[in-house]
Amino acid sequence: MSNIKTKEGRRKRIKMGIRKKVEGTVARPRLSVFKSNKAIYAQIIDDSKGHTIVAVSSTELDKKSKVNVDTSKNVGKKLAERALASGIDSIVFDRNGYLYHGNIKALAEGAREGGLKF
């Protein structure tokens, strides 16, 4: 088990609880989010097959060193655009242990504005 006293250990424990409940299917794949200090990444995953359908990162949109809320929102919109082109309009959101606040919330709102339903 992970060490609960560290920030990473706490996030891993929360992530395990979320992954018990959230699973992507062919009809509703999972939107997984990962953020670092320099970039934010989002991918749509079909867990039944175990492969990524669509992926977008902030590094391919602009080459800034830090991520802000506007960048996260643009990543969400770009992800929605690519998902709709792939025939996906409904997803389940996996916040991956992060709080639904700031960049994670902005990415989700951008994906909703782009046309994804969750």
Protein backbone atom coordinates (compact mmCIF):
# COMPACT_ATOMS: atom_id res chain seq x y z
CA MET A 1 0.00 0.00 0.00
CA SER A 2 1.15 3.52 -0.64
CA ASN A 3 2.44 5.77 2.08
CA ILE A 4 -0.51 7.93 3.07
CA LYS A 5 1.68 10.63 4.61
CA THR A 6 2.99 11.89 1.28
CA LYS A 7 1.03 13.91 -1.25
CA GLU A 8 1.59 11.24 -3.90
CA GLY A 9 0.43 8.49 -1.53
CA ARG A 10 -2.75 10.37 -0.71
CA ARG A 11 -3.52 10.95 -4.39
CA LYS A 12 -2.84 7.30 -5.19
CA ARG A 13 -5.25 6.16 -2.47
CA ILE A 14 -7.98 8.52 -3.73
CA LYS A 15 -7.27 7.39 -7.32
CA MET A 16 -7.75 3.73 -6.37
CA GLY A 17 -11.15 4.55 -4.84
CA ILE A 18 -12.22 6.40 -7.97
CA ARG A 19 -11.04 3.62 -10.30
CA LYS A 20 -13.12 1.06 -8.37
CA LYS A 21 -16.24 2.95 -9.37
CA VAL A 22 -15.38 4.53 -12.74
CA GLU A 23 -14.88 2.29 -15.76
CA GLY A 24 -14.88 3.18 -19.43
CA THR A 25 -16.85 1.08 -21.89
CA VAL A 26 -17.27 1.15 -25.65
CA ALA A 27 -20.45 3.23 -25.28
CA ARG A 28 -19.02 5.59 -22.62
CA PRO A 29 -15.21 5.64 -22.53
CA ARG A 30 -13.28 7.17 -19.64
CA LEU A 31 -11.71 10.64 -19.80
CA SER A 32 -8.55 10.47 -17.69
CA VAL A 33 -6.64 13.61 -16.69
CA PHE A 34 -3.01 13.97 -15.58
CA LYS A 35 -1.34 17.21 -14.64
CA SER A 36 2.22 18.16 -13.92
CA ASN A 37 3.81 21.51 -13.17
CA LYS A 38 4.59 22.05 -16.85
CA ALA A 39 1.71 20.41 -18.74
CA ILE A 40 -1.77 18.91 -18.53
CA TYR A 41 -2.71 15.75 -20.38
CA ALA A 42 -6.11 14.25 -21.16
CA GLN A 43 -6.95 10.98 -22.85
CA ILE A 44 -10.10 9.05 -23.63
CA ILE A 45 -9.67 5.36 -22.84
CA ASP A 46 -11.74 2.27 -23.64
CA ASP A 47 -11.08 0.07 -20.59
CA SER A 48 -12.71 -3.04 -22.08
CA LYS A 49 -10.05 -3.14 -24.83
CA GLY A 50 -7.41 -1.32 -22.81
CA HIS A 51 -6.40 1.22 -25.41
CA THR A 52 -6.42 4.99 -25.79
CA ILE A 53 -8.83 6.37 -28.37
CA VAL A 54 -8.00 10.10 -28.24
CA ALA A 55 -5.23 12.01 -26.45
CA VAL A 56 -4.38 15.71 -26.14
CA SER A 57 -1.76 17.58 -24.14
CA SER A 58 -1.05 21.23 -23.50
CA THR A 59 2.42 20.81 -25.02
CA GLU A 60 0.98 20.27 -28.49
CA LEU A 61 -1.23 23.37 -28.25
CA ASP A 62 1.38 25.87 -27.07
CA LYS A 63 4.94 25.67 -25.81
CA LYS A 64 4.49 27.65 -22.58
CA SER A 65 6.33 26.42 -19.52
CA LYS A 66 3.41 26.64 -17.07
CA VAL A 67 -0.22 25.58 -17.33
CA ASN A 68 -3.02 27.97 -16.47
CA VAL A 69 -6.81 27.72 -16.50
CA ASP A 70 -7.12 29.07 -20.06
CA THR A 71 -4.69 26.46 -21.38
CA SER A 72 -6.60 23.70 -19.59
CA LYS A 73 -9.88 24.88 -21.07
CA ASN A 74 -8.35 24.86 -24.57
CA VAL A 75 -7.09 21.29 -24.01
CA GLY A 76 -10.65 20.27 -23.07
CA LYS A 77 -12.09 21.89 -26.19
CA LYS A 78 -9.48 20.25 -28.44
CA LEU A 79 -10.14 16.87 -26.81
CA ALA A 80 -13.89 17.26 -27.40
CA GLU A 81 -13.26 18.19 -31.03
CA ARG A 82 -11.14 15.08 -31.61
CA ALA A 83 -13.57 12.85 -29.69
CA LEU A 84 -16.55 14.00 -31.73
CA ALA A 85 -14.55 13.35 -34.91
CA SER A 86 -13.96 9.79 -33.62
CA GLY A 87 -17.68 9.31 -32.97
CA ILE A 88 -17.60 9.71 -29.17
CA ASP A 89 -20.11 12.07 -27.58
CA SER A 90 -20.67 10.61 -24.10
CA ILE A 91 -17.93 9.85 -21.55
CA VAL A 92 -17.26 9.25 -17.85
CA PHE A 93 -14.87 11.67 -16.14
CA ASP A 94 -11.90 10.34 -14.16
CA ARG A 95 -10.25 13.17 -12.22
CA ASN A 96 -7.42 10.77 -11.33
CA GLY A 97 -7.23 11.67 -7.64
CA TYR A 98 -7.01 15.43 -8.19
CA LEU A 99 -9.51 17.85 -6.66
CA TYR A 100 -12.22 19.04 -9.05
CA HIS A 101 -10.88 22.57 -8.93
CA GLY A 102 -8.76 24.91 -11.01
CA ASN A 103 -7.16 23.28 -14.05
CA ILE A 104 -9.11 20.02 -13.75
CA LYS A 105 -12.42 21.89 -13.58
CA ALA A 106 -11.41 24.12 -16.51
CA LEU A 107 -10.54 21.08 -18.64
CA ALA A 108 -13.91 19.48 -17.84
CA GLU A 109 -15.79 22.70 -18.66
CA GLY A 110 -13.88 23.02 -21.93
CA ALA A 111 -14.81 19.46 -22.87
CA ARG A 112 -18.46 20.16 -22.06
CA GLU A 113 -18.39 23.36 -24.15
CA GLY A 114 -16.87 21.34 -26.99
CA GLY A 115 -19.88 18.99 -27.00
CA LEU A 116 -19.02 16.05 -24.74
CA LYS A 117 -21.67 14.82 -22.29
CA PHE A 118 -20.76 13.61 -18.81
